[in-house]
Amino acid sequence: MIRIVIAEDQRLLLGALGSLLDLEDDMEVVGMAKNGVEALELVRIHQPDICIMDIEMPLKTGLDVAEELKDDSCKIIILTTFARAGYFDRAREANVSGYLLKDSPSEELANSIRVIMDGRKVYAPELIDIAYSKQENPLSEREEQVIHLIAEGRNTEEIAKQLFLTKGTVRNYVSSILDKLEVSNRIEAISRFREKGWFK
């Protein structure tokens, strides 16, 4: 019997996934979590074979949990709406066994679980395409320092002090960052940089 823990913050989907997998003769859902912290607890209590997780959950994301369970015997499947290169890269670094999109047919999930239990990895084809067409980070080293400080909530004056630059120079860097990332403000820049998986 394949023992499964599911972590999903949308209760309706959590219940539906649990019911669907319980219908499989060779699978048993032993725990259901509404956030990443609960998921970690349930994996430690039940020692399941598989943990299926959403990415964007409260308290800890699915990727945070995957990184914490990297050396655990439990195999991780990320089941998400987001086909983003940055997320996929983090998932692969955390050695997840599967990365599937929520719009996949339900029988595909059960089949993927069996394939993963045989020691193979399963990634949605869309993600493979994204991984191969991945763009390089266009920012210079100094621009990267600036965007990291922006992400920390620093204003122009604070960035200038920390990097020993004039405020005018910082503004020029910010303008160049917005230009290269093809966005119109700092918040969009942080979001785009994060989405691409360029924050180290």
N, C-alpha and C. Protein backbone atom coordinates (compact mmCIF):
# COMPACT_ATOMS: atom_id res chain seq x y z
N MET A 1 0.84 -1.21 0.00
CA MET A 1 0.00 0.00 0.00
C MET A 1 0.88 1.26 0.00
N ILE A 2 0.61 2.19 -0.91
CA ILE A 2 1.36 3.45 -0.97
C ILE A 2 0.71 4.45 -0.02
N ARG A 3 1.48 4.87 0.98
CA ARG A 3 0.94 5.79 2.00
C ARG A 3 1.23 7.23 1.61
N ILE A 4 0.17 8.07 1.65
CA ILE A 4 0.27 9.43 1.09
C ILE A 4 -0.17 10.48 2.09
N VAL A 5 0.59 11.61 2.13
CA VAL A 5 0.16 12.82 2.83
C VAL A 5 -0.07 13.88 1.76
N ILE A 6 -1.19 14.63 1.89
CA ILE A 6 -1.49 15.70 0.94
C ILE A 6 -1.49 17.04 1.68
N ALA A 7 -0.86 18.05 1.09
CA ALA A 7 -0.87 19.40 1.68
C ALA A 7 -1.39 20.38 0.64
N GLU A 8 -2.48 21.04 0.97
CA GLU A 8 -3.16 21.96 0.04
C GLU A 8 -4.00 22.92 0.86
N ASP A 9 -3.83 24.24 0.64
CA ASP A 9 -4.57 25.19 1.49
C ASP A 9 -6.01 25.44 1.03
N GLN A 10 -6.36 24.97 -0.17
CA GLN A 10 -7.76 25.09 -0.60
C GLN A 10 -8.50 23.82 -0.15
N ARG A 11 -9.36 23.98 0.85
CA ARG A 11 -9.97 22.81 1.50
C ARG A 11 -10.73 21.91 0.54
N LEU A 12 -11.44 22.53 -0.40
CA LEU A 12 -12.25 21.76 -1.34
C LEU A 12 -11.35 20.83 -2.17
N LEU A 13 -10.26 21.40 -2.65
CA LEU A 13 -9.32 20.62 -3.47
C LEU A 13 -8.63 19.55 -2.62
N LEU A 14 -8.31 19.90 -1.38
CA LEU A 14 -7.67 18.95 -0.46
C LEU A 14 -8.57 17.72 -0.27
N GLY A 15 -9.86 17.98 0.00
CA GLY A 15 -10.82 16.88 0.19
C GLY A 15 -10.99 16.06 -1.07
N ALA A 16 -11.06 16.73 -2.21
CA ALA A 16 -11.26 16.03 -3.49
C ALA A 16 -10.07 15.14 -3.81
N LEU A 17 -8.86 15.68 -3.61
CA LEU A 17 -7.65 14.89 -3.88
C LEU A 17 -7.60 13.66 -2.98
N GLY A 18 -7.90 13.88 -1.70
CA GLY A 18 -7.89 12.78 -0.74
C GLY A 18 -8.87 11.68 -1.14
N SER A 19 -10.08 12.07 -1.52
CA SER A 19 -11.11 11.09 -1.92
C SER A 19 -10.70 10.33 -3.18
N LEU A 20 -10.16 11.07 -4.17
CA LEU A 20 -9.76 10.43 -5.42
C LEU A 20 -8.67 9.39 -5.21
N LEU A 21 -7.66 9.75 -4.41
CA LEU A 21 -6.54 8.82 -4.22
C LEU A 21 -6.94 7.65 -3.34
N ASP A 22 -7.86 7.87 -2.40
CA ASP A 22 -8.35 6.77 -1.56
C ASP A 22 -9.12 5.72 -2.36
N LEU A 23 -9.62 6.11 -3.53
CA LEU A 23 -10.35 5.16 -4.39
C LEU A 23 -9.40 4.16 -5.07
N GLU A 24 -8.11 4.52 -5.12
CA GLU A 24 -7.13 3.62 -5.76
C GLU A 24 -6.86 2.44 -4.82
N ASP A 25 -6.86 1.23 -5.37
CA ASP A 25 -6.68 0.01 -4.56
C ASP A 25 -5.35 -0.05 -3.82
N ASP A 26 -4.32 0.55 -4.44
CA ASP A 26 -2.97 0.42 -3.85
C ASP A 26 -2.52 1.67 -3.11
N MET A 27 -3.47 2.61 -2.81
CA MET A 27 -3.09 3.87 -2.15
C MET A 27 -3.95 4.16 -0.94
N GLU A 28 -3.32 4.80 0.05
CA GLU A 28 -4.04 5.18 1.26
C GLU A 28 -3.58 6.57 1.69
N VAL A 29 -4.51 7.51 1.83
CA VAL A 29 -4.17 8.86 2.30
C VAL A 29 -4.14 8.81 3.82
N VAL A 30 -2.95 9.02 4.40
CA VAL A 30 -2.80 8.89 5.86
C VAL A 30 -2.83 10.24 6.58
N GLY A 31 -2.77 11.35 5.81
CA GLY A 31 -2.82 12.66 6.45
C GLY A 31 -3.09 13.76 5.45
N MET A 32 -3.83 14.81 5.90
CA MET A 32 -4.11 15.95 5.02
C MET A 32 -3.80 17.24 5.78
N ALA A 33 -2.97 18.10 5.15
CA ALA A 33 -2.52 19.33 5.80
C ALA A 33 -3.02 20.56 5.05
N LYS A 34 -3.26 21.65 5.81
CA LYS A 34 -3.74 22.90 5.20
C LYS A 34 -2.61 23.91 5.00
N ASN A 35 -1.42 23.60 5.50
CA ASN A 35 -0.28 24.50 5.31
C ASN A 35 1.03 23.70 5.41
N GLY A 36 2.14 24.39 5.13
CA GLY A 36 3.43 23.72 5.09
C GLY A 36 3.90 23.18 6.43
N VAL A 37 3.59 23.89 7.51
CA VAL A 37 4.02 23.44 8.85
C VAL A 37 3.30 22.13 9.21
N GLU A 38 1.98 22.09 8.95
CA GLU A 38 1.21 20.86 9.21
C GLU A 38 1.75 19.71 8.36
N ALA A 39 2.12 20.02 7.12
CA ALA A 39 2.64 18.98 6.22
C ALA A 39 3.89 18.34 6.82
N LEU A 40 4.81 19.18 7.31
CA LEU A 40 6.04 18.66 7.92
C LEU A 40 5.72 17.75 9.11
N GLU A 41 4.80 18.21 9.95
CA GLU A 41 4.41 17.43 11.14
C GLU A 41 3.84 16.07 10.73
N LEU A 42 2.93 16.09 9.74
CA LEU A 42 2.29 14.84 9.32
C LEU A 42 3.28 13.86 8.69
N VAL A 43 4.26 14.40 7.94
CA VAL A 43 5.29 13.53 7.35
C VAL A 43 6.11 12.89 8.46
N ARG A 44 6.43 13.66 9.50
CA ARG A 44 7.24 13.10 10.60
C ARG A 44 6.45 12.08 11.42
N ILE A 45 5.15 12.32 11.57
CA ILE A 45 4.31 11.39 12.36
C ILE A 45 4.05 10.10 11.59
N HIS A 46 3.61 10.25 10.32
CA HIS A 46 3.13 9.08 9.57
C HIS A 46 4.19 8.39 8.71
N GLN A 47 5.33 9.07 8.47
CA GLN A 47 6.38 8.49 7.61
C GLN A 47 5.80 7.95 6.30
N PRO A 48 5.10 8.79 5.52
CA PRO A 48 4.47 8.31 4.29
C PRO A 48 5.50 8.01 3.20
N ASP A 49 5.05 7.34 2.15
CA ASP A 49 5.92 7.09 0.99
C ASP A 49 5.99 8.33 0.11
N ILE A 50 4.84 9.03 0.05
CA ILE A 50 4.70 10.18 -0.86
C ILE A 50 4.06 11.34 -0.11
N CYS A 51 4.54 12.56 -0.40
CA CYS A 51 3.85 13.77 0.09
C CYS A 51 3.56 14.64 -1.13
N ILE A 52 2.26 14.92 -1.34
CA ILE A 52 1.83 15.75 -2.47
C ILE A 52 1.55 17.14 -1.94
N MET A 53 2.20 18.16 -2.53
CA MET A 53 2.05 19.51 -1.98
C MET A 53 1.82 20.57 -3.04
N ASP A 54 1.01 21.54 -2.65
CA ASP A 54 0.88 22.77 -3.42
C ASP A 54 2.13 23.61 -3.11
N ILE A 55 2.41 24.62 -3.95
CA ILE A 55 3.55 25.50 -3.65
C ILE A 55 3.12 26.61 -2.70
N GLU A 56 2.11 27.37 -3.11
CA GLU A 56 1.77 28.58 -2.35
C GLU A 56 0.81 28.25 -1.22
N MET A 57 1.40 27.98 -0.03
CA MET A 57 0.61 27.66 1.17
C MET A 57 1.05 28.59 2.30
N PRO A 58 0.17 28.78 3.30
CA PRO A 58 0.55 29.62 4.44
C PRO A 58 1.66 28.98 5.28
N LEU A 59 2.33 29.81 6.06
CA LEU A 59 3.37 29.44 7.04
C LEU A 59 4.65 28.93 6.39
N LYS A 60 4.56 27.89 5.60
CA LYS A 60 5.71 27.43 4.80
C LYS A 60 5.17 27.04 3.43
N THR A 61 5.90 27.39 2.37
CA THR A 61 5.47 26.99 1.03
C THR A 61 5.82 25.53 0.80
N GLY A 62 5.24 24.96 -0.25
CA GLY A 62 5.57 23.59 -0.61
C GLY A 62 7.06 23.42 -0.91
N LEU A 63 7.67 24.46 -1.49
CA LEU A 63 9.10 24.38 -1.81
C LEU A 63 9.95 24.44 -0.54
N ASP A 64 9.52 25.25 0.45
CA ASP A 64 10.23 25.28 1.75
C ASP A 64 10.22 23.88 2.37
N VAL A 65 9.04 23.25 2.36
CA VAL A 65 8.90 21.91 2.95
C VAL A 65 9.75 20.90 2.17
N ALA A 66 9.71 20.99 0.84
CA ALA A 66 10.50 20.07 0.01
C ALA A 66 11.98 20.19 0.35
N GLU A 67 12.46 21.43 0.55
CA GLU A 67 13.87 21.63 0.89
C GLU A 67 14.19 21.02 2.25
N GLU A 68 13.26 21.14 3.20
CA GLU A 68 13.49 20.58 4.54
C GLU A 68 13.47 19.04 4.51
N LEU A 69 12.71 18.48 3.58
CA LEU A 69 12.58 17.02 3.51
C LEU A 69 13.51 16.40 2.47
N LYS A 70 14.45 17.20 1.98
CA LYS A 70 15.32 16.77 0.87
C LYS A 70 15.98 15.41 1.14
N ASP A 71 16.42 15.19 2.37
CA ASP A 71 17.14 13.94 2.68
C ASP A 71 16.23 12.89 3.33
N ASP A 72 14.94 13.17 3.36
CA ASP A 72 13.97 12.24 3.96
C ASP A 72 13.65 11.14 2.95
N SER A 73 13.16 9.99 3.44
CA SER A 73 12.82 8.90 2.51
C SER A 73 11.49 9.17 1.79
N CYS A 74 10.71 10.11 2.30
CA CYS A 74 9.42 10.46 1.68
C CYS A 74 9.67 11.16 0.34
N LYS A 75 9.00 10.68 -0.71
CA LYS A 75 9.15 11.30 -2.03
C LYS A 75 8.16 12.45 -2.16
N ILE A 76 8.62 13.57 -2.71
CA ILE A 76 7.79 14.77 -2.80
C ILE A 76 7.26 14.95 -4.22
N ILE A 77 5.95 15.23 -4.30
CA ILE A 77 5.35 15.63 -5.58
C ILE A 77 4.78 17.03 -5.37
N ILE A 78 5.21 17.96 -6.22
CA ILE A 78 4.63 19.31 -6.21
C ILE A 78 3.47 19.29 -7.20
N LEU A 79 2.31 19.73 -6.73
CA LEU A 79 1.13 19.80 -7.58
C LEU A 79 0.65 21.25 -7.52
N THR A 80 0.81 21.98 -8.62
CA THR A 80 0.59 23.43 -8.55
C THR A 80 -0.04 23.98 -9.82
N THR A 81 -0.50 25.21 -9.73
CA THR A 81 -1.04 25.92 -10.88
C THR A 81 0.09 26.61 -11.65
N PHE A 82 1.25 26.77 -10.99
CA PHE A 82 2.29 27.65 -11.53
C PHE A 82 3.38 26.91 -12.30
N ALA A 83 3.43 27.15 -13.60
CA ALA A 83 4.51 26.59 -14.43
C ALA A 83 5.59 27.66 -14.57
N ARG A 84 6.29 27.94 -13.47
CA ARG A 84 7.30 29.01 -13.50
C ARG A 84 8.70 28.41 -13.40
N ALA A 85 9.60 28.96 -14.21
CA ALA A 85 10.97 28.43 -14.24
C ALA A 85 11.63 28.48 -12.87
N GLY A 86 11.47 29.59 -12.16
CA GLY A 86 12.12 29.74 -10.85
C GLY A 86 11.66 28.69 -9.86
N TYR A 87 10.35 28.45 -9.83
CA TYR A 87 9.80 27.43 -8.94
C TYR A 87 10.33 26.04 -9.32
N PHE A 88 10.35 25.79 -10.62
CA PHE A 88 10.78 24.48 -11.10
C PHE A 88 12.25 24.23 -10.75
N ASP A 89 13.07 25.26 -10.90
CA ASP A 89 14.50 25.13 -10.56
C ASP A 89 14.67 24.80 -9.08
N ARG A 90 13.93 25.52 -8.24
CA ARG A 90 14.02 25.26 -6.79
C ARG A 90 13.56 23.84 -6.46
N ALA A 91 12.51 23.41 -7.14
CA ALA A 91 11.97 22.06 -6.90
C ALA A 91 13.01 21.01 -7.29
N ARG A 92 13.67 21.21 -8.41
CA ARG A 92 14.69 20.24 -8.84
C ARG A 92 15.87 20.22 -7.88
N GLU A 93 16.27 21.40 -7.41
CA GLU A 93 17.37 21.48 -6.44
C GLU A 93 17.00 20.77 -5.14
N ALA A 94 15.70 20.81 -4.80
CA ALA A 94 15.24 20.13 -3.57
C ALA A 94 15.01 18.64 -3.82
N ASN A 95 15.34 18.20 -5.04
CA ASN A 95 15.24 16.78 -5.40
C ASN A 95 13.81 16.23 -5.33
N VAL A 96 12.83 17.06 -5.75
CA VAL A 96 11.45 16.53 -5.74
C VAL A 96 11.32 15.45 -6.81
N SER A 97 10.45 14.50 -6.54
CA SER A 97 10.28 13.38 -7.47
C SER A 97 9.29 13.68 -8.58
N GLY A 98 8.39 14.62 -8.34
CA GLY A 98 7.40 14.96 -9.36
C GLY A 98 7.00 16.42 -9.27
N TYR A 99 6.69 17.02 -10.41
CA TYR A 99 6.20 18.39 -10.46
C TYR A 99 5.10 18.39 -11.52
N LEU A 100 3.85 18.42 -11.04
CA LEU A 100 2.71 18.31 -11.95
C LEU A 100 1.81 19.53 -11.83
N LEU A 101 1.09 19.81 -12.89
CA LEU A 101 0.18 20.96 -12.87
C LEU A 101 -1.24 20.51 -12.51
N LYS A 102 -1.95 21.40 -11.81
CA LYS A 102 -3.28 21.03 -11.29
C LYS A 102 -4.30 20.74 -12.38
N ASP A 103 -4.04 21.21 -13.59
CA ASP A 103 -5.04 20.94 -14.64
C ASP A 103 -4.80 19.59 -15.32
N SER A 104 -3.85 18.79 -14.78
CA SER A 104 -3.65 17.43 -15.33
C SER A 104 -4.85 16.56 -14.97
N PRO A 105 -5.17 15.55 -15.79
CA PRO A 105 -6.28 14.64 -15.45
C PRO A 105 -5.96 13.88 -14.16
N SER A 106 -7.00 13.54 -13.37
CA SER A 106 -6.78 12.91 -12.06
C SER A 106 -6.08 11.55 -12.17
N GLU A 107 -6.39 10.78 -13.24
CA GLU A 107 -5.73 9.46 -13.36
C GLU A 107 -4.23 9.61 -13.59
N GLU A 108 -3.85 10.77 -14.16
CA GLU A 108 -2.42 11.02 -14.39
C GLU A 108 -1.67 11.12 -13.06
N LEU A 109 -2.32 11.69 -12.05
CA LEU A 109 -1.69 11.82 -10.73
C LEU A 109 -1.43 10.42 -10.14
N ALA A 110 -2.44 9.55 -10.18
CA ALA A 110 -2.28 8.20 -9.63
C ALA A 110 -1.18 7.44 -10.38
N ASN A 111 -1.16 7.57 -11.71
CA ASN A 111 -0.12 6.90 -12.50
C ASN A 111 1.26 7.44 -12.17
N SER A 112 1.33 8.77 -12.01
CA SER A 112 2.61 9.41 -11.67
C SER A 112 3.13 8.90 -10.33
N ILE A 113 2.23 8.73 -9.37
CA ILE A 113 2.63 8.23 -8.05
C ILE A 113 3.26 6.84 -8.19
N ARG A 114 2.66 5.99 -9.01
CA ARG A 114 3.21 4.63 -9.20
C ARG A 114 4.58 4.67 -9.88
N VAL A 115 4.71 5.56 -10.87
CA VAL A 115 5.98 5.70 -11.59
C VAL A 115 7.07 6.18 -10.62
N ILE A 116 6.71 7.14 -9.78
CA ILE A 116 7.66 7.68 -8.80
C ILE A 116 8.06 6.62 -7.78
N MET A 117 7.10 5.80 -7.38
CA MET A 117 7.41 4.71 -6.43
C MET A 117 8.37 3.69 -7.05
N ASP A 118 8.42 3.64 -8.39
CA ASP A 118 9.37 2.77 -9.08
C ASP A 118 10.75 3.41 -9.21
N GLY A 119 10.89 4.61 -8.62
CA GLY A 119 12.21 5.26 -8.60
C GLY A 119 12.46 6.25 -9.72
N ARG A 120 11.43 6.57 -10.51
CA ARG A 120 11.62 7.54 -11.59
C ARG A 120 11.06 8.90 -11.20
N LYS A 121 11.39 9.92 -11.97
CA LYS A 121 10.87 11.27 -11.72
C LYS A 121 9.84 11.61 -12.80
N VAL A 122 8.86 12.44 -12.42
CA VAL A 122 7.81 12.82 -13.37
C VAL A 122 7.65 14.35 -13.35
N TYR A 123 7.92 14.97 -14.49
CA TYR A 123 7.74 16.42 -14.60
C TYR A 123 6.75 16.73 -15.72
N ALA A 124 5.87 17.71 -15.49
CA ALA A 124 4.92 18.12 -16.53
C ALA A 124 5.69 18.60 -17.76
N PRO A 125 5.26 18.21 -18.97
CA PRO A 125 5.99 18.60 -20.18
C PRO A 125 6.19 20.11 -20.32
N GLU A 126 5.19 20.90 -19.88
CA GLU A 126 5.30 22.37 -19.98
C GLU A 126 6.53 22.88 -19.25
N LEU A 127 6.88 22.21 -18.14
CA LEU A 127 8.01 22.66 -17.33
C LEU A 127 9.34 22.36 -18.01
N ILE A 128 9.37 21.25 -18.71
CA ILE A 128 10.60 20.91 -19.45
C ILE A 128 10.84 22.00 -20.50
N ASP A 129 9.77 22.41 -21.19
CA ASP A 129 9.89 23.48 -22.20
C ASP A 129 10.42 24.76 -21.57
N ILE A 130 9.85 25.12 -20.41
CA ILE A 130 10.27 26.34 -19.71
C ILE A 130 11.74 26.25 -19.32
N ALA A 131 12.14 25.09 -18.79
CA ALA A 131 13.52 24.91 -18.33
C ALA A 131 14.50 25.09 -19.49
N TYR A 132 14.12 24.59 -20.68
CA TYR A 132 15.04 24.69 -21.81
C TYR A 132 15.06 26.08 -22.45
N SER A 133 13.95 26.82 -22.29
CA SER A 133 13.92 28.15 -22.91
C SER A 133 14.21 29.24 -21.88
N LYS A 134 14.85 28.83 -20.79
CA LYS A 134 15.07 29.76 -19.68
C LYS A 134 16.00 30.91 -20.07
N GLN A 135 15.61 32.11 -19.68
CA GLN A 135 16.44 33.28 -19.98
C GLN A 135 17.55 33.41 -18.94
N GLU A 136 18.62 34.05 -19.36
CA GLU A 136 19.70 34.36 -18.42
C GLU A 136 19.35 35.65 -17.68
N ASN A 137 19.82 35.77 -16.47
CA ASN A 137 19.64 36.99 -15.68
C ASN A 137 20.36 38.15 -16.39
N PRO A 138 19.62 39.21 -16.78
CA PRO A 138 20.24 40.29 -17.56
C PRO A 138 20.96 41.34 -16.69
N LEU A 139 20.83 41.26 -15.38
CA LEU A 139 21.39 42.32 -14.52
C LEU A 139 22.88 42.13 -14.25
N SER A 140 23.56 43.27 -14.13
CA SER A 140 24.98 43.23 -13.76
C SER A 140 25.07 42.91 -12.26
N GLU A 141 26.29 42.65 -11.81
CA GLU A 141 26.49 42.31 -10.40
C GLU A 141 26.01 43.45 -9.48
N ARG A 142 26.33 44.68 -9.88
CA ARG A 142 25.93 45.85 -9.07
C ARG A 142 24.41 46.01 -9.08
N GLU A 143 23.78 45.81 -10.23
CA GLU A 143 22.31 45.91 -10.32
C GLU A 143 21.65 44.84 -9.45
N GLU A 144 22.28 43.65 -9.40
CA GLU A 144 21.76 42.59 -8.54
C GLU A 144 21.82 43.02 -7.07
N GLN A 145 22.92 43.65 -6.68
CA GLN A 145 23.03 44.13 -5.29
C GLN A 145 21.91 45.12 -5.00
N VAL A 146 21.64 46.00 -5.97
CA VAL A 146 20.60 47.02 -5.79
C VAL A 146 19.22 46.37 -5.66
N ILE A 147 18.90 45.40 -6.53
CA ILE A 147 17.56 44.79 -6.46
C ILE A 147 17.38 43.97 -5.18
N HIS A 148 18.46 43.38 -4.68
CA HIS A 148 18.37 42.66 -3.40
C HIS A 148 18.03 43.63 -2.28
N LEU A 149 18.65 44.80 -2.30
CA LEU A 149 18.37 45.80 -1.26
C LEU A 149 16.96 46.37 -1.40
N ILE A 150 16.50 46.54 -2.64
CA ILE A 150 15.11 46.99 -2.87
C ILE A 150 14.16 45.96 -2.28
N ALA A 151 14.46 44.67 -2.51
CA ALA A 151 13.60 43.59 -2.00
C ALA A 151 13.58 43.57 -0.48
N GLU A 152 14.64 44.05 0.14
CA GLU A 152 14.70 44.13 1.60
C GLU A 152 13.95 45.36 2.13
N GLY A 153 13.43 46.17 1.21
CA GLY A 153 12.64 47.34 1.62
C GLY A 153 13.45 48.62 1.78
N ARG A 154 14.70 48.63 1.27
CA ARG A 154 15.54 49.83 1.41
C ARG A 154 15.13 50.89 0.38
N ASN A 155 15.23 52.15 0.80
CA ASN A 155 14.94 53.24 -0.15
C ASN A 155 16.24 53.70 -0.82
N THR A 156 16.12 54.65 -1.74
CA THR A 156 17.28 55.10 -2.54
C THR A 156 18.42 55.57 -1.65
N GLU A 157 18.09 56.36 -0.63
CA GLU A 157 19.13 56.91 0.25
C GLU A 157 19.87 55.78 1.01
N GLU A 158 19.11 54.82 1.51
CA GLU A 158 19.72 53.71 2.27
C GLU A 158 20.60 52.85 1.36
N ILE A 159 20.13 52.63 0.14
CA ILE A 159 20.93 51.84 -0.82
C ILE A 159 22.23 52.58 -1.14
N ALA A 160 22.11 53.88 -1.35
CA ALA A 160 23.29 54.70 -1.66
C ALA A 160 24.33 54.61 -0.54
N LYS A 161 23.87 54.72 0.71
CA LYS A 161 24.79 54.63 1.86
C LYS A 161 25.46 53.27 1.93
N GLN A 162 24.66 52.22 1.78
CA GLN A 162 25.18 50.86 1.94
C GLN A 162 26.20 50.51 0.85
N LEU A 163 25.95 50.98 -0.37
CA LEU A 163 26.83 50.63 -1.49
C LEU A 163 27.86 51.72 -1.80
N PHE A 164 27.89 52.77 -0.95
CA PHE A 164 28.83 53.90 -1.12
C PHE A 164 28.69 54.53 -2.51
N LEU A 165 27.43 54.81 -2.87
CA LEU A 165 27.13 55.45 -4.15
C LEU A 165 26.36 56.74 -3.89
N THR A 166 26.25 57.57 -4.92
CA THR A 166 25.40 58.76 -4.78
C THR A 166 23.95 58.33 -5.06
N LYS A 167 23.01 59.14 -4.58
CA LYS A 167 21.59 58.82 -4.82
C LYS A 167 21.29 58.80 -6.32
N GLY A 168 21.93 59.71 -7.05
CA GLY A 168 21.73 59.78 -8.50
C GLY A 168 22.16 58.50 -9.19
N THR A 169 23.30 57.95 -8.74
CA THR A 169 23.81 56.70 -9.32
C THR A 169 22.84 55.55 -9.03
N VAL A 170 22.32 55.52 -7.80
CA VAL A 170 21.35 54.46 -7.45
C VAL A 170 20.12 54.58 -8.34
N ARG A 171 19.64 55.83 -8.53
CA ARG A 171 18.46 56.02 -9.38
C ARG A 171 18.73 55.53 -10.81
N ASN A 172 19.97 55.75 -11.28
CA ASN A 172 20.33 55.27 -12.62
C ASN A 172 20.30 53.74 -12.68
N TYR A 173 20.82 53.11 -11.61
CA TYR A 173 20.79 51.64 -11.55
C TYR A 173 19.35 51.13 -11.54
N VAL A 174 18.51 51.79 -10.75
CA VAL A 174 17.10 51.37 -10.65
C VAL A 174 16.44 51.49 -12.03
N SER A 175 16.70 52.60 -12.70
CA SER A 175 16.13 52.82 -14.02
C SER A 175 16.58 51.74 -15.00
N SER A 176 17.86 51.37 -14.92
CA SER A 176 18.41 50.33 -15.79
C SER A 176 17.77 48.96 -15.47
N ILE A 177 17.57 48.70 -14.17
CA ILE A 177 16.93 47.43 -13.74
C ILE A 177 15.52 47.33 -14.32
N LEU A 178 14.74 48.42 -14.19
CA LEU A 178 13.36 48.41 -14.70
C LEU A 178 13.35 48.18 -16.21
N ASP A 179 14.31 48.81 -16.86
CA ASP A 179 14.44 48.69 -18.30
C ASP A 179 14.74 47.25 -18.72
N LYS A 180 15.75 46.67 -18.08
CA LYS A 180 16.18 45.31 -18.44
C LYS A 180 15.12 44.25 -18.11
N LEU A 181 14.38 44.48 -17.02
CA LEU A 181 13.36 43.50 -16.63
C LEU A 181 12.01 43.78 -17.31
N GLU A 182 11.96 44.89 -18.07
CA GLU A 182 10.75 45.28 -18.81
C GLU A 182 9.55 45.45 -17.89
N VAL A 183 9.76 46.22 -16.81
CA VAL A 183 8.69 46.51 -15.85
C VAL A 183 8.65 48.01 -15.59
N SER A 184 7.59 48.47 -14.90
CA SER A 184 7.45 49.91 -14.74
C SER A 184 7.71 50.42 -13.33
N ASN A 185 7.86 49.52 -12.34
CA ASN A 185 8.16 50.00 -10.99
C ASN A 185 8.94 48.95 -10.20
N ARG A 186 9.37 49.35 -9.00
CA ARG A 186 10.23 48.48 -8.17
C ARG A 186 9.53 47.19 -7.74
N ILE A 187 8.25 47.30 -7.41
CA ILE A 187 7.51 46.11 -6.96
C ILE A 187 7.43 45.08 -8.07
N GLU A 188 7.12 45.54 -9.28
CA GLU A 188 7.07 44.63 -10.44
C GLU A 188 8.45 44.02 -10.71
N ALA A 189 9.50 44.83 -10.49
CA ALA A 189 10.87 44.35 -10.73
C ALA A 189 11.19 43.19 -9.79
N ILE A 190 10.86 43.36 -8.51
CA ILE A 190 11.11 42.30 -7.52
C ILE A 190 10.33 41.04 -7.91
N SER A 191 9.06 41.26 -8.27
CA SER A 191 8.19 40.14 -8.63
C SER A 191 8.74 39.39 -9.85
N ARG A 192 9.15 40.12 -10.88
CA ARG A 192 9.68 39.50 -12.11
C ARG A 192 10.99 38.75 -11.81
N PHE A 193 11.86 39.38 -11.02
CA PHE A 193 13.16 38.79 -10.69
C PHE A 193 12.97 37.49 -9.90
N ARG A 194 11.98 37.51 -8.99
CA ARG A 194 11.69 36.32 -8.16
C ARG A 194 11.08 35.22 -9.03
N GLU A 195 10.15 35.63 -9.89
CA GLU A 195 9.44 34.68 -10.77
C GLU A 195 10.42 33.92 -11.67
N LYS A 196 11.46 34.62 -12.09
CA LYS A 196 12.45 34.00 -12.98
C LYS A 196 13.43 33.12 -12.22
N GLY A 197 13.35 33.18 -10.88
CA GLY A 197 14.25 32.34 -10.07
C GLY A 197 15.66 32.89 -9.97
N TRP A 198 15.79 34.22 -10.11
CA TRP A 198 17.14 34.82 -10.11
C TRP A 198 17.60 35.28 -8.73
N PHE A 199 16.71 35.31 -7.74
CA PHE A 199 17.16 35.65 -6.38
C PHE A 199 17.95 34.47 -5.85
N LYS A 200 19.15 34.72 -5.40
CA LYS A 200 19.98 33.62 -4.87
C LYS A 200 19.81 33.57 -3.35
